[in-house]
Amino acid sequence: MPASGCFAIEYQEALDLRRLGALVIKSVSPQSRAGNPTPRVAETHAGMLNSIGIPSQGLDHYRREILAAYTCFETPVVVSISAETTNEFAAACAEVSLPEVAVIEANISCPNLEADGMAFAMSPDTTFRAVSAIRAATRHPLWVKLTPNASNIAAVAQAAELAGADAIVMGNTVLGMAIDARTRKPKLGNVMGGLSGPAIKPIALRLVHQCFRAVRIPVIGCGGISSAEDAVEFMLAGATAVQVGTASFIDPGVMEKIIAGLDDYCRDMGLQSIAEVTGQVELDPYLSDRWLRFAQQSG
């Protein structure tokens, strides 16, 4: 499926949207906002930086003008919500808990005004409070999108599970920065932004595996996936499904190519379903237990 913010309805011109596992729409916030200052995107080695700032025209516009375009397909629609306070999150998720919406993805990797701008998912405590409020506001399946910038991702994932999340989306971009050597100015108008693409794949893969070891709910992997082999790696690490982001900017049809590649992989490996590989990375038992204890201690 696409990652939120990396997909638009125009992609139907490049691939068959009915073949995707879900249509994840760009995050919407309850309040209208213009987004971050330009420039908002900067190319980097093996990836890109973005500082979009989730521009939004509010939920009324979203329901009237955006959502309807995605619900005419047979593919389940996932609505991604971003908010600045716990109460805003809960109210927004209740408002989009519509029959035509299959899943709500709560993007708690966004800034939390109640914690001086620190993302909700940076700590287990704020994660638990935010997810608990959202869970109480909707009966829809709830995915919780975490940030790779948290110090103890296993504890954060466990807090989301305890508060009622049905799945973890791991994760979002890694905070980074780029400077123009000639002008001596940051390449992004907001100075810092999120690094995505193949450059963060090893980090994302590690985070997915840590979450898989820490929770019992499904983990959806995201971060640098651009081929079927990448998707298989994430599933071996513990992902039940994957989201594709930056690669779609390079090749709008890449998700369908990845799906075809997974079919080929299943035939080559004699698998009935790609689901058979989830969590099946082979680890030395001694090293696995030792690594797990280290991960739990260090985050």
Protein backbone atom coordinates (compact mmCIF):
# COMPACT_ATOMS: atom_id res chain seq x y z
CA MET A 1 0.00 0.00 0.00
CA PRO A 2 1.17 3.60 -0.34
CA ALA A 3 2.57 5.56 2.56
CA SER A 4 0.52 8.56 3.59
CA GLY A 5 1.65 11.72 1.83
CA CYS A 6 3.22 9.81 -1.06
CA PHE A 7 0.10 9.01 -3.03
CA ALA A 8 -2.61 10.82 -4.99
CA ILE A 9 -5.66 9.72 -6.93
CA GLU A 10 -3.78 10.53 -10.16
CA TYR A 11 -1.71 7.38 -9.57
CA GLN A 12 -4.58 5.45 -11.13
CA GLU A 13 -3.06 6.48 -14.47
CA ALA A 14 0.10 4.49 -13.65
CA LEU A 15 -1.21 1.40 -11.85
CA ASP A 16 -4.35 -0.58 -11.09
CA LEU A 17 -5.44 0.70 -7.68
CA ARG A 18 -7.58 -2.43 -7.19
CA ARG A 19 -4.37 -4.48 -6.82
CA LEU A 20 -3.19 -2.53 -3.78
CA GLY A 21 -3.86 -3.70 -0.24
CA ALA A 22 -5.22 -0.29 0.72
CA LEU A 23 -5.34 3.33 -0.40
CA VAL A 24 -3.70 5.43 2.31
CA ILE A 25 -4.61 9.09 1.85
CA LYS A 26 -2.35 11.99 2.80
CA SER A 27 -2.73 13.05 6.45
CA VAL A 28 -5.41 15.61 7.18
CA SER A 29 -5.57 17.89 10.22
CA PRO A 30 -8.81 19.20 11.75
CA GLN A 31 -7.59 22.80 11.48
CA SER A 32 -6.76 24.56 8.21
CA ARG A 33 -3.06 25.27 7.84
CA ALA A 34 -0.79 26.42 5.05
CA GLY A 35 2.12 24.09 5.78
CA ASN A 36 5.80 24.92 6.16
CA PRO A 37 7.72 27.64 4.28
CA THR A 38 9.32 26.81 0.95
CA PRO A 39 11.46 25.18 -0.27
CA ARG A 40 9.85 22.04 1.11
CA VAL A 41 11.81 19.29 -0.63
CA ALA A 42 15.53 18.65 -1.10
CA GLU A 43 17.18 15.73 -2.85
CA THR A 44 19.85 13.81 -0.93
CA HIS A 45 22.08 10.82 -1.60
CA ALA A 46 19.81 7.76 -1.78
CA GLY A 47 16.75 9.65 -0.65
CA MET A 48 15.07 12.98 -0.08
CA LEU A 49 14.32 15.48 2.68
CA ASN A 50 10.89 16.98 3.02
CA SER A 51 9.36 19.58 5.29
CA ILE A 52 5.82 19.81 3.97
CA GLY A 53 4.11 20.62 7.26
CA ILE A 54 0.90 18.71 6.37
CA PRO A 55 -1.06 21.56 4.75
CA SER A 56 -4.79 21.11 5.23
CA GLN A 57 -8.08 22.78 4.37
CA GLY A 58 -9.84 21.06 7.27
CA LEU A 59 -12.05 18.04 7.65
CA ASP A 60 -15.14 19.44 5.91
CA HIS A 61 -13.19 20.06 2.71
CA TYR A 62 -11.50 16.68 3.10
CA ARG A 63 -14.75 14.77 3.36
CA ARG A 64 -16.40 16.73 0.57
CA GLU A 65 -13.58 17.04 -1.98
CA ILE A 66 -10.90 14.44 -1.20
CA LEU A 67 -12.35 11.30 0.36
CA ALA A 68 -15.02 10.69 -2.27
CA ALA A 69 -12.41 10.25 -5.02
CA TYR A 70 -10.84 7.27 -3.24
CA THR A 71 -13.95 5.42 -2.09
CA CYS A 72 -15.16 4.56 -5.59
CA PHE A 73 -12.63 1.72 -5.86
CA GLU A 74 -12.93 -1.76 -4.33
CA THR A 75 -9.70 -1.22 -2.39
CA PRO A 76 -10.04 -0.37 1.32
CA VAL A 77 -9.46 3.30 2.16
CA VAL A 78 -7.24 4.34 5.07
CA VAL A 79 -7.67 7.88 6.40
CA SER A 80 -4.57 9.32 8.04
CA ILE A 81 -5.18 11.90 10.77
CA SER A 82 -2.71 14.45 12.15
CA ALA A 83 -3.53 16.72 15.09
CA GLU A 84 -1.79 18.99 17.58
CA THR A 85 -3.58 17.97 20.79
CA THR A 86 -5.08 14.80 22.21
CA ASN A 87 -8.61 16.20 22.12
CA GLU A 88 -8.19 17.29 18.48
CA PHE A 89 -7.03 13.81 17.57
CA ALA A 90 -10.02 12.17 19.23
CA ALA A 91 -12.54 14.57 17.71
CA ALA A 92 -11.03 14.26 14.22
CA CYS A 93 -10.98 10.47 14.31
CA ALA A 94 -14.61 10.39 15.45
CA GLU A 95 -15.57 12.66 12.54
CA VAL A 96 -13.93 10.46 9.90
CA SER A 97 -15.27 7.19 11.33
CA LEU A 98 -17.49 6.81 8.29
CA PRO A 99 -18.86 3.63 6.69
CA GLU A 100 -16.76 4.18 3.56
CA VAL A 101 -13.55 4.40 5.63
CA ALA A 102 -11.96 1.02 6.37
CA VAL A 103 -9.20 2.10 8.75
CA ILE A 104 -8.01 5.19 10.60
CA GLU A 105 -4.27 5.76 10.74
CA ALA A 106 -3.35 8.09 13.60
CA ASN A 107 -0.12 9.86 12.70
CA ILE A 108 1.16 10.46 16.23
CA SER A 109 4.63 11.19 14.89
CA CYS A 110 3.46 14.80 14.43
CA PRO A 111 4.18 17.62 16.96
CA ASN A 112 2.19 17.69 20.20
CA LEU A 113 1.43 21.22 21.41
CA GLU A 114 0.69 19.83 24.88
CA ALA A 115 4.33 18.68 25.14
CA ASP A 116 6.13 21.76 23.76
CA GLY A 117 5.99 20.48 20.21
CA MET A 118 7.52 17.06 20.89
CA ALA A 119 5.84 14.34 18.84
CA PHE A 120 3.26 12.23 20.70
CA ALA A 121 5.16 9.06 19.79
CA MET A 122 8.43 10.21 21.32
CA SER A 123 7.49 8.73 24.70
CA PRO A 124 5.35 5.82 25.94
CA ASP A 125 3.35 8.13 28.22
CA THR A 126 2.20 10.59 25.56
CA THR A 127 1.64 7.71 23.16
CA PHE A 128 -0.62 5.94 25.62
CA ARG A 129 -2.66 9.09 26.35
CA ALA A 130 -3.13 9.97 22.68
CA VAL A 131 -4.04 6.45 21.55
CA SER A 132 -6.38 5.92 24.50
CA ALA A 133 -8.31 9.08 23.60
CA ILE A 134 -8.53 8.09 19.94
CA ARG A 135 -9.56 4.53 20.77
CA ALA A 136 -12.41 5.83 22.92
CA ALA A 137 -13.62 8.03 20.06
CA THR A 138 -13.89 5.41 17.31
CA ARG A 139 -14.80 1.77 16.75
CA HIS A 140 -12.95 1.69 13.45
CA PRO A 141 -9.75 -0.36 13.12
CA LEU A 142 -6.96 1.88 14.36
CA TRP A 143 -3.39 1.96 13.06
CA VAL A 144 -0.87 4.06 14.95
CA LYS A 145 2.02 5.58 13.03
CA LEU A 146 5.18 5.90 15.12
CA THR A 147 8.31 7.99 14.70
CA PRO A 148 11.81 6.52 14.24
CA ASN A 149 13.16 9.41 16.30
CA ALA A 150 11.93 7.90 19.60
CA SER A 151 14.61 6.68 21.98
CA ASN A 152 12.83 3.47 23.03
CA ILE A 153 10.68 2.31 20.14
CA ALA A 154 9.75 -1.02 21.78
CA ALA A 155 8.25 0.75 24.83
CA VAL A 156 6.37 3.21 22.61
CA ALA A 157 4.94 0.38 20.50
CA GLN A 158 3.85 -1.47 23.64
CA ALA A 159 2.13 1.67 24.94
CA ALA A 160 0.21 2.00 21.67
CA GLU A 161 -0.85 -1.64 21.86
CA LEU A 162 -1.91 -1.33 25.50
CA ALA A 163 -4.00 1.74 24.65
CA GLY A 164 -5.94 -0.14 21.98
CA ALA A 165 -4.09 0.15 18.67
CA ASP A 166 -4.96 -2.60 16.20
CA ALA A 167 -1.67 -2.27 14.30
CA ILE A 168 1.60 -0.32 14.34
CA VAL A 169 2.87 1.58 11.31
CA MET A 170 6.63 1.75 11.66
CA GLY A 171 7.42 4.36 10.77
CA ASN A 172 7.89 7.87 9.52
CA THR A 173 10.88 9.86 8.29
CA VAL A 174 14.16 10.35 10.16
CA LEU A 175 14.90 13.94 11.16
CA GLY A 176 17.66 15.43 8.99
CA MET A 177 19.10 18.57 7.44
CA ALA A 178 20.88 19.70 4.27
CA ILE A 179 22.88 22.88 3.55
CA ASP A 180 23.75 24.51 0.22
CA ALA A 181 27.54 24.85 0.33
CA ARG A 182 27.53 27.86 -2.01
CA THR A 183 24.75 29.95 -0.49
CA ARG A 184 25.46 28.67 3.06
CA LYS A 185 21.72 28.41 3.60
CA PRO A 186 19.64 25.39 4.60
CA LYS A 187 18.07 23.66 1.61
CA LEU A 188 14.71 23.52 3.40
CA GLY A 189 12.70 26.58 4.35
CA ASN A 190 12.01 25.03 7.75
CA VAL A 191 15.75 24.19 8.17
CA MET A 192 15.14 20.56 9.20
CA GLY A 193 12.93 17.92 7.63
CA GLY A 194 12.23 14.22 7.28
CA LEU A 195 14.71 11.98 5.49
CA SER A 196 13.13 9.17 3.47
CA GLY A 197 14.12 6.72 0.75
CA PRO A 198 16.70 3.92 0.54
CA ALA A 199 19.05 5.83 2.89
CA ILE A 200 16.86 5.00 5.89
CA LYS A 201 15.99 1.41 5.00
CA PRO A 202 18.43 -0.26 7.47
CA ILE A 203 17.10 1.93 10.28
CA ALA A 204 13.46 1.24 9.37
CA LEU A 205 14.13 -2.49 9.10
CA ARG A 206 15.66 -2.55 12.59
CA LEU A 207 12.72 -0.61 14.02
CA VAL A 208 10.19 -2.97 12.45
CA HIS A 209 11.97 -5.95 13.96
CA GLN A 210 12.09 -4.32 17.40
CA CYS A 211 8.36 -3.58 17.26
CA PHE A 212 7.60 -7.10 16.05
CA ARG A 213 9.47 -8.53 19.04
CA ALA A 214 7.71 -6.15 21.45
CA VAL A 215 4.01 -6.39 20.48
CA ARG A 216 1.43 -8.96 19.42
CA ILE A 217 -0.51 -6.76 17.03
CA PRO A 218 0.52 -6.52 13.34
CA VAL A 219 3.36 -4.24 12.30
CA ILE A 220 3.22 -2.42 8.96
CA GLY A 221 6.72 -1.69 7.67
CA CYS A 222 7.73 1.50 5.92
CA GLY A 223 11.03 3.15 5.02
CA GLY A 224 13.07 2.89 1.84
CA ILE A 225 11.10 0.11 0.16
CA SER A 226 11.53 0.24 -3.61
CA SER A 227 11.53 -3.42 -4.71
CA ALA A 228 9.96 -6.78 -3.96
CA GLU A 229 13.18 -7.86 -2.27
CA ASP A 230 12.95 -4.87 0.06
CA ALA A 231 9.37 -5.80 0.91
CA VAL A 232 10.39 -9.38 1.67
CA GLU A 233 13.15 -8.15 4.00
CA PHE A 234 10.63 -6.10 5.97
CA MET A 235 8.26 -9.05 6.18
CA LEU A 236 11.04 -11.36 7.33
CA ALA A 237 11.81 -8.78 10.02
CA GLY A 238 8.20 -8.99 11.20
CA ALA A 239 6.02 -6.82 8.98
CA THR A 240 2.57 -8.12 8.09
CA ALA A 241 2.27 -5.54 5.30
CA VAL A 242 4.37 -2.71 3.86
CA GLN A 243 3.89 0.86 2.72
CA VAL A 244 5.80 2.44 -0.17
CA GLY A 245 6.64 6.14 -0.14
CA THR A 246 9.56 7.85 -1.85
CA ALA A 247 9.95 5.16 -4.53
CA SER A 248 6.57 6.18 -5.99
CA PHE A 249 7.90 9.66 -6.71
CA ILE A 250 10.56 8.10 -8.93
CA ASP A 251 8.27 5.50 -10.51
CA PRO A 252 4.51 5.98 -9.98
CA GLY A 253 3.92 2.36 -11.00
CA VAL A 254 6.42 0.84 -8.57
CA MET A 255 3.85 -0.62 -6.16
CA GLU A 256 2.31 -2.81 -8.84
CA LYS A 257 5.81 -3.96 -9.83
CA ILE A 258 6.54 -4.85 -6.20
CA ILE A 259 3.31 -6.89 -6.02
CA ALA A 260 4.28 -8.75 -9.20
CA GLY A 261 7.73 -9.34 -7.74
CA LEU A 262 6.20 -10.83 -4.58
CA ASP A 263 4.19 -13.23 -6.73
CA ASP A 264 7.43 -14.30 -8.44
CA TYR A 265 9.14 -14.71 -5.06
CA CYS A 266 6.35 -16.99 -3.81
CA ARG A 267 6.62 -19.18 -6.90
CA ASP A 268 10.44 -19.35 -6.66
CA MET A 269 10.35 -20.21 -2.95
CA GLY A 270 7.39 -22.60 -3.13
CA LEU A 271 5.18 -20.46 -0.90
CA GLN A 272 1.39 -20.52 -0.92
CA SER A 273 1.24 -16.97 0.42
CA ILE A 274 3.72 -14.18 1.06
CA ALA A 275 2.32 -14.04 4.61
CA GLU A 276 4.33 -17.20 5.35
CA VAL A 277 7.56 -15.16 5.58
CA THR A 278 6.40 -12.67 8.24
CA GLY A 279 8.79 -12.76 11.18
CA GLN A 280 10.76 -15.67 9.74
CA VAL A 281 14.23 -14.11 9.79
CA GLU A 282 16.61 -16.79 11.06
CA LEU A 283 18.51 -15.65 14.14
CA ASP A 284 20.99 -17.51 16.28
CA PRO A 285 19.03 -18.24 19.51
CA TYR A 286 21.84 -17.05 21.80
CA LEU A 287 22.52 -13.87 19.86
CA SER A 288 18.79 -13.23 19.45
CA ASP A 289 18.13 -13.30 23.22
CA ARG A 290 21.24 -11.24 23.91
CA TRP A 291 20.23 -8.67 21.28
CA LEU A 292 16.68 -8.48 22.63
CA ARG A 293 17.91 -7.74 26.16
CA PHE A 294 20.23 -5.06 24.81
CA ALA A 295 17.44 -3.50 22.74
CA GLN A 296 15.08 -3.43 25.73
CA GLN A 297 17.72 -1.73 27.87
CA SER A 298 18.95 0.80 25.32
CA GLY A 299 15.77 1.40 23.30
